[in-house]
Amino acid sequence: VQFVESGGGLVQPGGSLRLSCVVDGATLDDYAIGWFRRVPGKELEGVSCVSRSGSGTYYAESVEGRFSVSRDDAKNAVYLQMNELKPEDTAVYYCVTANMYPCFDIDHWGQGTQVTVSS
């Protein structure tokens, strides 16, 4: 299974980014899918997850109201729209597939994409 993550980069506080993750080698509709992030020196944080059906979405309290997750099973892809970005959102973001919603029992991890929020 291979993940192609894109959309990370440097953005100013208050700006927006959209992360994309295309999965090759797995049928996404078999999984819940979502995003984790890691800040150096801190624990891994589950950011967001969308259920197999797409009807359920989970957000960490720290991103609720600012981030939006979506999936497109026809494209084998998951997206994370990140608005009103803050410096504390700076992290490496990882796309995951999971056997349980909201993204427990992780099956596969992407390689990660860096998001830096700084003026």
PDB file of N, CA and C in Angstrom:
ATOM      1  N   VAL A   1       0.853  -1.186   0.000  1.00  0.00           N
ATOM      2  CA  VAL A   1       0.000   0.000   0.000  1.00  0.00           C
ATOM      3  C   VAL A   1       0.891   1.239   0.000  1.00  0.00           C
ATOM      4  N   GLN A   2       0.603   2.146  -0.898  1.00  0.00           N
ATOM      5  CA  GLN A   2       1.381   3.380  -0.969  1.00  0.00           C
ATOM      6  C   GLN A   2       0.458   4.583  -0.846  1.00  0.00           C
ATOM      7  N   PHE A   3       0.967   5.578  -0.125  1.00  0.00           N
ATOM      8  CA  PHE A   3       0.232   6.817   0.045  1.00  0.00           C
ATOM      9  C   PHE A   3       0.981   7.934  -0.678  1.00  0.00           C
ATOM     10  N   VAL A   4       0.261   8.786  -1.353  1.00  0.00           N
ATOM     11  CA  VAL A   4       0.856   9.989  -1.932  1.00  0.00           C
ATOM     12  C   VAL A   4       0.193  11.183  -1.269  1.00  0.00           C
ATOM     13  N   GLU A   5       0.934  11.797  -0.365  1.00  0.00           N
ATOM     14  CA  GLU A   5       0.419  12.951   0.363  1.00  0.00           C
ATOM     15  C   GLU A   5       0.951  14.226  -0.274  1.00  0.00           C
ATOM     16  N   SER A   6       0.139  15.238  -0.296  1.00  0.00           N
ATOM     17  CA  SER A   6       0.551  16.524  -0.852  1.00  0.00           C
ATOM     18  C   SER A   6      -0.236  17.648  -0.198  1.00  0.00           C
ATOM     19  N   GLY A   7       0.215  18.864  -0.443  1.00  0.00           N
ATOM     20  CA  GLY A   7      -0.514  20.031   0.028  1.00  0.00           C
ATOM     21  C   GLY A   7       0.100  20.727   1.225  1.00  0.00           C
ATOM     22  N   GLY A   8       1.106  20.119   1.828  1.00  0.00           N
ATOM     23  CA  GLY A   8       1.752  20.775   2.957  1.00  0.00           C
ATOM     24  C   GLY A   8       2.612  21.939   2.498  1.00  0.00           C
ATOM     25  N   GLY A   9       3.120  22.696   3.465  1.00  0.00           N
ATOM     26  CA  GLY A   9       3.966  23.821   3.119  1.00  0.00           C
ATOM     27  C   GLY A   9       3.990  24.860   4.213  1.00  0.00           C
ATOM     28  N   LEU A  10       4.456  26.046   3.851  1.00  0.00           N
ATOM     29  CA  LEU A  10       4.560  27.172   4.776  1.00  0.00           C
ATOM     30  C   LEU A  10       3.404  28.132   4.529  1.00  0.00           C
ATOM     31  N   VAL A  11       2.727  28.517   5.599  1.00  0.00           N
ATOM     32  CA  VAL A  11       1.608  29.442   5.477  1.00  0.00           C
ATOM     33  C   VAL A  11       1.633  30.380   6.677  1.00  0.00           C
ATOM     34  N   GLN A  12       1.111  31.573   6.481  1.00  0.00           N
ATOM     35  CA  GLN A  12       1.053  32.545   7.573  1.00  0.00           C
ATOM     36  C   GLN A  12      -0.121  32.232   8.497  1.00  0.00           C
ATOM     37  N   PRO A  13      -0.031  32.643   9.745  1.00  0.00           N
ATOM     38  CA  PRO A  13      -1.177  32.465  10.649  1.00  0.00           C
ATOM     39  C   PRO A  13      -2.438  33.067  10.043  1.00  0.00           C
ATOM     40  N   GLY A  14      -3.544  32.333  10.197  1.00  0.00           N
ATOM     41  CA  GLY A  14      -4.804  32.756   9.607  1.00  0.00           C
ATOM     42  C   GLY A  14      -5.037  32.241   8.202  1.00  0.00           C
ATOM     43  N   GLY A  15      -4.015  31.665   7.611  1.00  0.00           N
ATOM     44  CA  GLY A  15      -4.123  31.154   6.248  1.00  0.00           C
ATOM     45  C   GLY A  15      -4.738  29.770   6.184  1.00  0.00           C
ATOM     46  N   SER A  16      -4.766  29.223   4.967  1.00  0.00           N
ATOM     47  CA  SER A  16      -5.388  27.924   4.720  1.00  0.00           C
ATOM     48  C   SER A  16      -4.468  27.031   3.897  1.00  0.00           C
ATOM     49  N   LEU A  17      -4.634  25.750   4.116  1.00  0.00           N
ATOM     50  CA  LEU A  17      -3.987  24.730   3.300  1.00  0.00           C
ATOM     51  C   LEU A  17      -4.965  23.579   3.118  1.00  0.00           C
ATOM     52  N   ARG A  18      -4.788  22.844   2.032  1.00  0.00           N
ATOM     53  CA  ARG A  18      -5.590  21.646   1.815  1.00  0.00           C
ATOM     54  C   ARG A  18      -4.642  20.476   1.576  1.00  0.00           C
ATOM     55  N   LEU A  19      -4.684  19.527   2.495  1.00  0.00           N
ATOM     56  CA  LEU A  19      -3.877  18.316   2.346  1.00  0.00           C
ATOM     57  C   LEU A  19      -4.662  17.280   1.550  1.00  0.00           C
ATOM     58  N   SER A  20      -3.938  16.563   0.702  1.00  0.00           N
ATOM     59  CA  SER A  20      -4.527  15.475  -0.077  1.00  0.00           C
ATOM     60  C   SER A  20      -3.737  14.205   0.162  1.00  0.00           C
ATOM     61  N   CYS A  21      -4.428  13.098   0.126  1.00  0.00           N
ATOM     62  CA  CYS A  21      -3.779  11.798   0.289  1.00  0.00           C
ATOM     63  C   CYS A  21      -4.458  10.823  -0.665  1.00  0.00           C
ATOM     64  N   VAL A  22      -3.700  10.331  -1.620  1.00  0.00           N
ATOM     65  CA  VAL A  22      -4.205   9.333  -2.559  1.00  0.00           C
ATOM     66  C   VAL A  22      -3.565   8.003  -2.200  1.00  0.00           C
ATOM     67  N   VAL A  23      -4.381   6.986  -2.068  1.00  0.00           N
ATOM     68  CA  VAL A  23      -3.912   5.671  -1.639  1.00  0.00           C
ATOM     69  C   VAL A  23      -3.909   4.709  -2.825  1.00  0.00           C
ATOM     70  N   ASP A  24      -2.790   4.035  -2.983  1.00  0.00           N
ATOM     71  CA  ASP A  24      -2.651   3.039  -4.059  1.00  0.00           C
ATOM     72  C   ASP A  24      -2.401   1.679  -3.431  1.00  0.00           C
ATOM     73  N   GLY A  25      -3.178   0.687  -3.840  1.00  0.00           N
ATOM     74  CA  GLY A  25      -2.953  -0.647  -3.323  1.00  0.00           C
ATOM     75  C   GLY A  25      -3.934  -1.078  -2.262  1.00  0.00           C
ATOM     76  N   ALA A  26      -4.902  -0.244  -1.941  1.00  0.00           N
ATOM     77  CA  ALA A  26      -5.932  -0.599  -0.982  1.00  0.00           C
ATOM     78  C   ALA A  26      -7.247   0.017  -1.439  1.00  0.00           C
ATOM     79  N   THR A  27      -8.324  -0.641  -1.114  1.00  0.00           N
ATOM     80  CA  THR A  27      -9.646  -0.118  -1.443  1.00  0.00           C
ATOM     81  C   THR A  27     -10.131   0.699  -0.263  1.00  0.00           C
ATOM     82  N   LEU A  28     -10.200   1.996  -0.439  1.00  0.00           N
ATOM     83  CA  LEU A  28     -10.448   2.877   0.699  1.00  0.00           C
ATOM     84  C   LEU A  28     -11.790   2.645   1.361  1.00  0.00           C
ATOM     85  N   ASP A  29     -12.775   2.184   0.620  1.00  0.00           N
ATOM     86  CA  ASP A  29     -14.086   2.035   1.246  1.00  0.00           C
ATOM     87  C   ASP A  29     -14.137   0.855   2.222  1.00  0.00           C
ATOM     88  N   ASP A  30     -13.018   0.142   2.374  1.00  0.00           N
ATOM     89  CA  ASP A  30     -12.907  -0.874   3.421  1.00  0.00           C
ATOM     90  C   ASP A  30     -12.497  -0.273   4.760  1.00  0.00           C
ATOM     91  N   TYR A  31     -12.158   1.035   4.778  1.00  0.00           N
ATOM     92  CA  TYR A  31     -11.528   1.634   5.957  1.00  0.00           C
ATOM     93  C   TYR A  31     -12.172   2.950   6.369  1.00  0.00           C
ATOM     94  N   ALA A  32     -12.045   3.229   7.655  1.00  0.00           N
ATOM     95  CA  ALA A  32     -12.132   4.614   8.096  1.00  0.00           C
ATOM     96  C   ALA A  32     -10.796   5.254   7.708  1.00  0.00           C
ATOM     97  N   ILE A  33     -10.793   6.521   7.395  1.00  0.00           N
ATOM     98  CA  ILE A  33      -9.562   7.185   6.981  1.00  0.00           C
ATOM     99  C   ILE A  33      -9.466   8.548   7.636  1.00  0.00           C
ATOM    100  N   GLY A  34      -8.260   9.002   7.846  1.00  0.00           N
ATOM    101  CA  GLY A  34      -8.119  10.283   8.506  1.00  0.00           C
ATOM    102  C   GLY A  34      -6.682  10.754   8.585  1.00  0.00           C
ATOM    103  N   TRP A  35      -6.448  11.641   9.555  1.00  0.00           N
ATOM    104  CA  TRP A  35      -5.164  12.315   9.679  1.00  0.00           C
ATOM    105  C   TRP A  35      -4.718  12.370  11.136  1.00  0.00           C
ATOM    106  N   PHE A  36      -3.436  12.111  11.324  1.00  0.00           N
ATOM    107  CA  PHE A  36      -2.759  12.333  12.597  1.00  0.00           C
ATOM    108  C   PHE A  36      -1.690  13.385  12.366  1.00  0.00           C
ATOM    109  N   ARG A  37      -1.181  13.938  13.469  1.00  0.00           N
ATOM    110  CA  ARG A  37      -0.056  14.857  13.332  1.00  0.00           C
ATOM    111  C   ARG A  37       0.903  14.674  14.492  1.00  0.00           C
ATOM    112  N   ARG A  38       2.162  15.019  14.226  1.00  0.00           N
ATOM    113  CA  ARG A  38       3.185  14.922  15.267  1.00  0.00           C
ATOM    114  C   ARG A  38       3.999  16.208  15.291  1.00  0.00           C
ATOM    115  N   VAL A  39       4.039  16.808  16.463  1.00  0.00           N
ATOM    116  CA  VAL A  39       4.925  17.933  16.737  1.00  0.00           C
ATOM    117  C   VAL A  39       6.166  17.360  17.409  1.00  0.00           C
ATOM    118  N   PRO A  40       7.367  17.763  16.992  1.00  0.00           N
ATOM    119  CA  PRO A  40       8.581  17.233  17.624  1.00  0.00           C
ATOM    120  C   PRO A  40       8.532  17.373  19.142  1.00  0.00           C
ATOM    121  N   GLY A  41       8.807  16.270  19.830  1.00  0.00           N
ATOM    122  CA  GLY A  41       8.824  16.304  21.274  1.00  0.00           C
ATOM    123  C   GLY A  41       7.472  16.115  21.930  1.00  0.00           C
ATOM    124  N   LYS A  42       6.434  15.985  21.121  1.00  0.00           N
ATOM    125  CA  LYS A  42       5.081  15.809  21.665  1.00  0.00           C
ATOM    126  C   LYS A  42       4.477  14.498  21.152  1.00  0.00           C
ATOM    127  N   GLU A  43       3.400  14.104  21.804  1.00  0.00           N
ATOM    128  CA  GLU A  43       2.733  12.868  21.414  1.00  0.00           C
ATOM    129  C   GLU A  43       2.007  13.021  20.083  1.00  0.00           C
ATOM    130  N   LEU A  44       1.847  11.907  19.409  1.00  0.00           N
ATOM    131  CA  LEU A  44       1.055  11.880  18.199  1.00  0.00           C
ATOM    132  C   LEU A  44      -0.392  12.238  18.531  1.00  0.00           C
ATOM    133  N   GLU A  45      -0.997  13.052  17.697  1.00  0.00           N
ATOM    134  CA  GLU A  45      -2.377  13.497  17.942  1.00  0.00           C
ATOM    135  C   GLU A  45      -3.275  13.100  16.779  1.00  0.00           C
ATOM    136  N   GLY A  46      -4.384  12.481  17.091  1.00  0.00           N
ATOM    137  CA  GLY A  46      -5.393  12.211  16.079  1.00  0.00           C
ATOM    138  C   GLY A  46      -6.126  13.494  15.756  1.00  0.00           C
ATOM    139  N   VAL A  47      -6.060  13.938  14.523  1.00  0.00           N
ATOM    140  CA  VAL A  47      -6.617  15.230  14.125  1.00  0.00           C
ATOM    141  C   VAL A  47      -8.050  15.086  13.642  1.00  0.00           C
ATOM    142  N   SER A  48      -8.253  14.142  12.753  1.00  0.00           N
ATOM    143  CA  SER A  48      -9.572  14.021  12.139  1.00  0.00           C
ATOM    144  C   SER A  48      -9.727  12.644  11.527  1.00  0.00           C
ATOM    145  N   CYS A  49     -10.990  12.207  11.423  1.00  0.00           N
ATOM    146  CA  CYS A  49     -11.270  10.900  10.845  1.00  0.00           C
ATOM    147  C   CYS A  49     -12.646  10.921  10.211  1.00  0.00           C
ATOM    148  N   VAL A  50     -12.795  10.169   9.132  1.00  0.00           N
ATOM    149  CA  VAL A  50     -14.101  10.037   8.496  1.00  0.00           C
ATOM    150  C   VAL A  50     -14.419   8.550   8.386  1.00  0.00           C
ATOM    151  N   SER A  51     -15.644   8.203   8.678  1.00  0.00           N
ATOM    152  CA  SER A  51     -16.057   6.801   8.712  1.00  0.00           C
ATOM    153  C   SER A  51     -16.105   6.191   7.309  1.00  0.00           C
ATOM    154  N   ARG A  52     -16.274   4.875   7.257  1.00  0.00           N
ATOM    155  CA  ARG A  52     -16.346   4.174   5.967  1.00  0.00           C
ATOM    156  C   ARG A  52     -17.432   4.752   5.068  1.00  0.00           C
ATOM    157  N   SER A  53     -18.568   5.031   5.643  1.00  0.00           N
ATOM    158  CA  SER A  53     -19.696   5.534   4.851  1.00  0.00           C
ATOM    159  C   SER A  53     -19.553   7.000   4.504  1.00  0.00           C
ATOM    160  N   GLY A  54     -18.708   7.686   5.253  1.00  0.00           N
ATOM    161  CA  GLY A  54     -18.572   9.122   5.058  1.00  0.00           C
ATOM    162  C   GLY A  54     -19.545   9.941   5.881  1.00  0.00           C
ATOM    163  N   SER A  55     -20.449   9.247   6.574  1.00  0.00           N
ATOM    164  CA  SER A  55     -21.467   9.977   7.328  1.00  0.00           C
ATOM    165  C   SER A  55     -20.971  10.439   8.686  1.00  0.00           C
ATOM    166  N   GLY A  56     -19.923   9.814   9.186  1.00  0.00           N
ATOM    167  CA  GLY A  56     -19.380  10.190  10.487  1.00  0.00           C
ATOM    168  C   GLY A  56     -18.040  10.884  10.340  1.00  0.00           C
ATOM    169  N   THR A  57     -17.890  12.007  11.044  1.00  0.00           N
ATOM    170  CA  THR A  57     -16.609  12.706  11.046  1.00  0.00           C
ATOM    171  C   THR A  57     -16.214  13.039  12.472  1.00  0.00           C
ATOM    172  N   TYR A  58     -14.928  12.916  12.748  1.00  0.00           N
ATOM    173  CA  TYR A  58     -14.375  13.213  14.058  1.00  0.00           C
ATOM    174  C   TYR A  58     -13.311  14.297  13.910  1.00  0.00           C
ATOM    175  N   TYR A  59     -13.285  15.203  14.881  1.00  0.00           N
ATOM    176  CA  TYR A  59     -12.245  16.235  14.921  1.00  0.00           C
ATOM    177  C   TYR A  59     -11.714  16.360  16.340  1.00  0.00           C
ATOM    178  N   ALA A  60     -10.410  16.522  16.445  1.00  0.00           N
ATOM    179  CA  ALA A  60      -9.834  16.856  17.738  1.00  0.00           C
ATOM    180  C   ALA A  60     -10.356  18.219  18.161  1.00  0.00           C
ATOM    181  N   GLU A  61     -10.473  18.414  19.453  1.00  0.00           N
ATOM    182  CA  GLU A  61     -10.989  19.689  19.964  1.00  0.00           C
ATOM    183  C   GLU A  61     -10.134  20.860  19.486  1.00  0.00           C
ATOM    184  N   SER A  62      -8.856  20.631  19.319  1.00  0.00           N
ATOM    185  CA  SER A  62      -7.943  21.708  18.939  1.00  0.00           C
ATOM    186  C   SER A  62      -8.166  22.213  17.510  1.00  0.00           C
ATOM    187  N   VAL A  63      -8.885  21.432  16.681  1.00  0.00           N
ATOM    188  CA  VAL A  63      -9.098  21.847  15.285  1.00  0.00           C
ATOM    189  C   VAL A  63     -10.571  21.987  14.933  1.00  0.00           C
ATOM    190  N   GLU A  64     -11.443  21.629  15.868  1.00  0.00           N
ATOM    191  CA  GLU A  64     -12.883  21.687  15.620  1.00  0.00           C
ATOM    192  C   GLU A  64     -13.295  23.076  15.145  1.00  0.00           C
ATOM    193  N   GLY A  65     -14.072  23.114  14.063  1.00  0.00           N
ATOM    194  CA  GLY A  65     -14.544  24.382  13.524  1.00  0.00           C
ATOM    195  C   GLY A  65     -13.596  25.035  12.537  1.00  0.00           C
ATOM    196  N   ARG A  66     -12.353  24.541  12.460  1.00  0.00           N
ATOM    197  CA  ARG A  66     -11.371  25.129  11.536  1.00  0.00           C
ATOM    198  C   ARG A  66     -10.978  24.153  10.432  1.00  0.00           C
ATOM    199  N   PHE A  67     -10.975  22.866  10.737  1.00  0.00           N
ATOM    200  CA  PHE A  67     -10.577  21.833   9.772  1.00  0.00           C
ATOM    201  C   PHE A  67     -11.800  21.079   9.294  1.00  0.00           C
ATOM    202  N   SER A  68     -11.698  20.560   8.068  1.00  0.00           N
ATOM    203  CA  SER A  68     -12.788  19.758   7.504  1.00  0.00           C
ATOM    204  C   SER A  68     -12.200  18.591   6.732  1.00  0.00           C
ATOM    205  N   VAL A  69     -12.655  17.387   7.049  1.00  0.00           N
ATOM    206  CA  VAL A  69     -12.152  16.176   6.384  1.00  0.00           C
ATOM    207  C   VAL A  69     -13.204  15.670   5.407  1.00  0.00           C
ATOM    208  N   SER A  70     -12.734  15.123   4.300  1.00  0.00           N
ATOM    209  CA  SER A  70     -13.647  14.532   3.323  1.00  0.00           C
ATOM    210  C   SER A  70     -12.953  13.384   2.608  1.00  0.00           C
ATOM    211  N   ARG A  71     -13.737  12.505   2.032  1.00  0.00           N
ATOM    212  CA  ARG A  71     -13.177  11.370   1.299  1.00  0.00           C
ATOM    213  C   ARG A  71     -13.844  11.267  -0.063  1.00  0.00           C
ATOM    214  N   ASP A  72     -13.088  10.747  -1.020  1.00  0.00           N
ATOM    215  CA  ASP A  72     -13.594  10.482  -2.352  1.00  0.00           C
ATOM    216  C   ASP A  72     -13.143   9.080  -2.715  1.00  0.00           C
ATOM    217  N   ASP A  73     -14.003   8.111  -2.471  1.00  0.00           N
ATOM    218  CA  ASP A  73     -13.613   6.721  -2.691  1.00  0.00           C
ATOM    219  C   ASP A  73     -13.392   6.409  -4.168  1.00  0.00           C
ATOM    220  N   ALA A  74     -14.036   7.142  -5.048  1.00  0.00           N
ATOM    221  CA  ALA A  74     -13.828   6.926  -6.476  1.00  0.00           C
ATOM    222  C   ALA A  74     -12.390   7.259  -6.864  1.00  0.00           C
ATOM    223  N   LYS A  75     -11.797   8.208  -6.139  1.00  0.00           N
ATOM    224  CA  LYS A  75     -10.407   8.594  -6.388  1.00  0.00           C
ATOM    225  C   LYS A  75      -9.446   7.972  -5.387  1.00  0.00           C
ATOM    226  N   ASN A  76      -9.995   7.150  -4.476  1.00  0.00           N
ATOM    227  CA  ASN A  76      -9.169   6.559  -3.416  1.00  0.00           C
ATOM    228  C   ASN A  76      -8.398   7.636  -2.662  1.00  0.00           C
ATOM    229  N   ALA A  77      -9.108   8.683  -2.280  1.00  0.00           N
ATOM    230  CA  ALA A  77      -8.446   9.846  -1.705  1.00  0.00           C
ATOM    231  C   ALA A  77      -9.167  10.359  -0.477  1.00  0.00           C
ATOM    232  N   VAL A  78      -8.395  11.005   0.387  1.00  0.00           N
ATOM    233  CA  VAL A  78      -8.941  11.714   1.550  1.00  0.00           C
ATOM    234  C   VAL A  78      -8.288  13.088   1.582  1.00  0.00           C
ATOM    235  N   TYR A  79      -9.046  14.069   2.045  1.00  0.00           N
ATOM    236  CA  TYR A  79      -8.590  15.450   2.047  1.00  0.00           C
ATOM    237  C   TYR A  79      -8.775  16.057   3.431  1.00  0.00           C
ATOM    238  N   LEU A  80      -7.930  17.030   3.732  1.00  0.00           N
ATOM    239  CA  LEU A  80      -8.079  17.785   4.975  1.00  0.00           C
ATOM    240  C   LEU A  80      -7.960  19.264   4.637  1.00  0.00           C
ATOM    241  N   GLN A  81      -9.076  19.960   4.697  1.00  0.00           N
ATOM    242  CA  GLN A  81      -9.084  21.403   4.492  1.00  0.00           C
ATOM    243  C   GLN A  81      -8.813  22.061   5.832  1.00  0.00           C
ATOM    244  N   MET A  82      -7.755  22.857   5.882  1.00  0.00           N
ATOM    245  CA  MET A  82      -7.336  23.480   7.132  1.00  0.00           C
ATOM    246  C   MET A  82      -7.434  24.995   6.978  1.00  0.00           C
ATOM    247  N   ASN A  83      -8.305  25.598   7.741  1.00  0.00           N
ATOM    248  CA  ASN A  83      -8.510  27.048   7.710  1.00  0.00           C
ATOM    249  C   ASN A  83      -8.105  27.661   9.043  1.00  0.00           C
ATOM    250  N   GLU A  84      -7.940  28.979   9.029  1.00  0.00           N
ATOM    251  CA  GLU A  84      -7.588  29.716  10.250  1.00  0.00           C
ATOM    252  C   GLU A  84      -6.404  29.073  10.958  1.00  0.00           C
ATOM    253  N   LEU A  85      -5.397  28.760  10.214  1.00  0.00           N
ATOM    254  CA  LEU A  85      -4.260  28.037  10.781  1.00  0.00           C
ATOM    255  C   LEU A  85      -3.538  28.868  11.824  1.00  0.00           C
ATOM    256  N   LYS A  86      -3.041  28.153  12.829  1.00  0.00           N
ATOM    257  CA  LYS A  86      -2.339  28.766  13.951  1.00  0.00           C
ATOM    258  C   LYS A  86      -0.914  28.195  14.019  1.00  0.00           C
ATOM    259  N   PRO A  87       0.009  28.907  14.644  1.00  0.00           N
ATOM    260  CA  PRO A  87       1.371  28.365  14.786  1.00  0.00           C
ATOM    261  C   PRO A  87       1.394  26.986  15.453  1.00  0.00           C
ATOM    262  N   GLU A  88       0.469  26.756  16.366  1.00  0.00           N
ATOM    263  CA  GLU A  88       0.440  25.455  17.046  1.00  0.00           C
ATOM    264  C   GLU A  88      -0.065  24.322  16.165  1.00  0.00           C
ATOM    265  N   ASP A  89      -0.499  24.633  14.959  1.00  0.00           N
ATOM    266  CA  ASP A  89      -0.853  23.582  13.989  1.00  0.00           C
ATOM    267  C   ASP A  89       0.380  23.072  13.238  1.00  0.00           C
ATOM    268  N   THR A  90       1.515  23.708  13.460  1.00  0.00           N
ATOM    269  CA  THR A  90       2.758  23.268  12.823  1.00  0.00           C
ATOM    270  C   THR A  90       3.092  21.851  13.254  1.00  0.00           C
ATOM    271  N   ALA A  91       3.248  20.958  12.283  1.00  0.00           N
ATOM    272  CA  ALA A  91       3.477  19.540  12.570  1.00  0.00           C
ATOM    273  C   ALA A  91       3.687  18.794  11.264  1.00  0.00           C
ATOM    274  N   VAL A  92       4.082  17.537  11.395  1.00  0.00           N
ATOM    275  CA  VAL A  92       4.040  16.619  10.260  1.00  0.00           C
ATOM    276  C   VAL A  92       2.692  15.919  10.313  1.00  0.00           C
ATOM    277  N   TYR A  93       1.975  15.967   9.208  1.00  0.00           N
ATOM    278  CA  TYR A  93       0.639  15.380   9.132  1.00  0.00           C
ATOM    279  C   TYR A  93       0.699  14.066   8.370  1.00  0.00           C
ATOM    280  N   TYR A  94       0.070  13.044   8.955  1.00  0.00           N
ATOM    281  CA  TYR A  94       0.094  11.704   8.390  1.00  0.00           C
ATOM    282  C   TYR A  94      -1.318  11.258   8.037  1.00  0.00           C
ATOM    283  N   CYS A  95      -1.459  10.751   6.845  1.00  0.00           N
ATOM    284  CA  CYS A  95      -2.700  10.130   6.409  1.00  0.00           C
ATOM    285  C   CYS A  95      -2.709   8.675   6.893  1.00  0.00           C
ATOM    286  N   VAL A  96      -3.865   8.193   7.356  1.00  0.00           N
ATOM    287  CA  VAL A  96      -3.950   6.815   7.844  1.00  0.00           C
ATOM    288  C   VAL A  96      -5.208   6.131   7.330  1.00  0.00           C
ATOM    289  N   THR A  97      -5.138   4.815   7.224  1.00  0.00           N
ATOM    290  CA  THR A  97      -6.338   4.004   7.072  1.00  0.00           C
ATOM    291  C   THR A  97      -6.503   3.211   8.366  1.00  0.00           C
ATOM    292  N   ALA A  98      -7.742   3.044   8.786  1.00  0.00           N
ATOM    293  CA  ALA A  98      -8.005   2.403  10.069  1.00  0.00           C
ATOM    294  C   ALA A  98      -9.143   1.409   9.953  1.00  0.00           C
ATOM    295  N   ASN A  99      -9.068   0.375  10.800  1.00  0.00           N
ATOM    296  CA  ASN A  99     -10.108  -0.640  10.777  1.00  0.00           C
ATOM    297  C   ASN A  99     -11.315  -0.266  11.613  1.00  0.00           C
ATOM    298  N   MET A 100     -11.149   0.722  12.491  1.00  0.00           N
ATOM    299  CA  MET A 100     -12.246   1.141  13.349  1.00  0.00           C
ATOM    300  C   MET A 100     -12.351   2.656  13.332  1.00  0.00           C
ATOM    301  N   TYR A 101     -13.585   3.122  13.407  1.00  0.00           N
ATOM    302  CA  TYR A 101     -13.849   4.563  13.502  1.00  0.00           C
ATOM    303  C   TYR A 101     -14.003   4.918  14.965  1.00  0.00           C
ATOM    304  N   PRO A 102     -13.456   6.105  15.423  1.00  0.00           N
ATOM    305  CA  PRO A 102     -12.770   7.124  14.620  1.00  0.00           C
ATOM    306  C   PRO A 102     -11.260   6.938  14.562  1.00  0.00           C
ATOM    307  N   CYS A 103     -10.830   6.104  13.632  1.00  0.00           N
ATOM    308  CA  CYS A 103      -9.406   5.878  13.348  1.00  0.00           C
ATOM    309  C   CYS A 103      -8.657   5.230  14.503  1.00  0.00           C
ATOM    310  N   PHE A 104      -9.226   4.137  15.022  1.00  0.00           N
ATOM    311  CA  PHE A 104      -8.494   3.232  15.894  1.00  0.00           C
ATOM    312  C   PHE A 104      -8.045   2.045  15.061  1.00  0.00           C
ATOM    313  N   ASP A 105      -7.077   1.290  15.626  1.00  0.00           N
ATOM    314  CA  ASP A 105      -6.566   0.099  14.920  1.00  0.00           C
ATOM    315  C   ASP A 105      -6.090   0.500  13.531  1.00  0.00           C
ATOM    316  N   ILE A 106      -5.034   1.333  13.531  1.00  0.00           N
ATOM    317  CA  ILE A 106      -4.485   1.860  12.281  1.00  0.00           C
ATOM    318  C   ILE A 106      -3.889   0.725  11.458  1.00  0.00           C
ATOM    319  N   ASP A 107      -4.239   0.729  10.196  1.00  0.00           N
ATOM    320  CA  ASP A 107      -3.784  -0.325   9.292  1.00  0.00           C
ATOM    321  C   ASP A 107      -2.561   0.123   8.491  1.00  0.00           C
ATOM    322  N   HIS A 108      -2.589   1.340   7.996  1.00  0.00           N
ATOM    323  CA  HIS A 108      -1.490   1.854   7.190  1.00  0.00           C
ATOM    324  C   HIS A 108      -1.275   3.328   7.493  1.00  0.00           C
ATOM    325  N   TRP A 109      -0.003   3.749   7.362  1.00  0.00           N
ATOM    326  CA  TRP A 109       0.387   5.151   7.569  1.00  0.00           C
ATOM    327  C   TRP A 109       1.001   5.704   6.297  1.00  0.00           C
ATOM    328  N   GLY A 110       0.707   6.972   6.004  1.00  0.00           N
ATOM    329  CA  GLY A 110       1.407   7.662   4.947  1.00  0.00           C
ATOM    330  C   GLY A 110       2.777   8.100   5.413  1.00  0.00           C
ATOM    331  N   GLN A 111       3.537   8.716   4.504  1.00  0.00           N
ATOM    332  CA  GLN A 111       4.908   9.113   4.824  1.00  0.00           C
ATOM    333  C   GLN A 111       4.978  10.444   5.546  1.00  0.00           C
ATOM    334  N   GLY A 112       3.889  11.195   5.536  1.00  0.00           N
ATOM    335  CA  GLY A 112       3.847  12.464   6.235  1.00  0.00           C
ATOM    336  C   GLY A 112       4.138  13.652   5.336  1.00  0.00           C
ATOM    337  N   THR A 113       3.505  14.764   5.650  1.00  0.00           N
ATOM    338  CA  THR A 113       3.757  16.014   4.942  1.00  0.00           C
ATOM    339  C   THR A 113       3.861  17.126   5.965  1.00  0.00           C
ATOM    340  N   GLN A 114       4.860  17.994   5.790  1.00  0.00           N
ATOM    341  CA  GLN A 114       5.138  19.047   6.780  1.00  0.00           C
ATOM    342  C   GLN A 114       4.214  20.241   6.552  1.00  0.00           C
ATOM    343  N   VAL A 115       3.626  20.691   7.635  1.00  0.00           N
ATOM    344  CA  VAL A 115       2.854  21.936   7.635  1.00  0.00           C
ATOM    345  C   VAL A 115       3.514  22.880   8.627  1.00  0.00           C
ATOM    346  N   THR A 116       3.863  24.066   8.154  1.00  0.00           N
ATOM    347  CA  THR A 116       4.494  25.067   9.008  1.00  0.00           C
ATOM    348  C   THR A 116       3.675  26.341   8.948  1.00  0.00           C
ATOM    349  N   VAL A 117       3.252  26.801  10.112  1.00  0.00           N
ATOM    350  CA  VAL A 117       2.466  28.026  10.209  1.00  0.00           C
ATOM    351  C   VAL A 117       3.318  29.065  10.926  1.00  0.00           C
ATOM    352  N   SER A 118       3.733  30.066  10.175  1.00  0.00           N
ATOM    353  CA  SER A 118       4.651  31.050  10.731  1.00  0.00           C
ATOM    354  C   SER A 118       4.588  32.327   9.922  1.00  0.00           C
ATOM    355  N   SER A 119       4.799  33.435  10.622  1.00  0.00           N
ATOM    356  CA  SER A 119       4.870  34.714   9.932  1.00  0.00           C
ATOM    357  C   SER A 119       6.310  35.069   9.589  1.00  0.00           C
TER     358      SER A 119
END
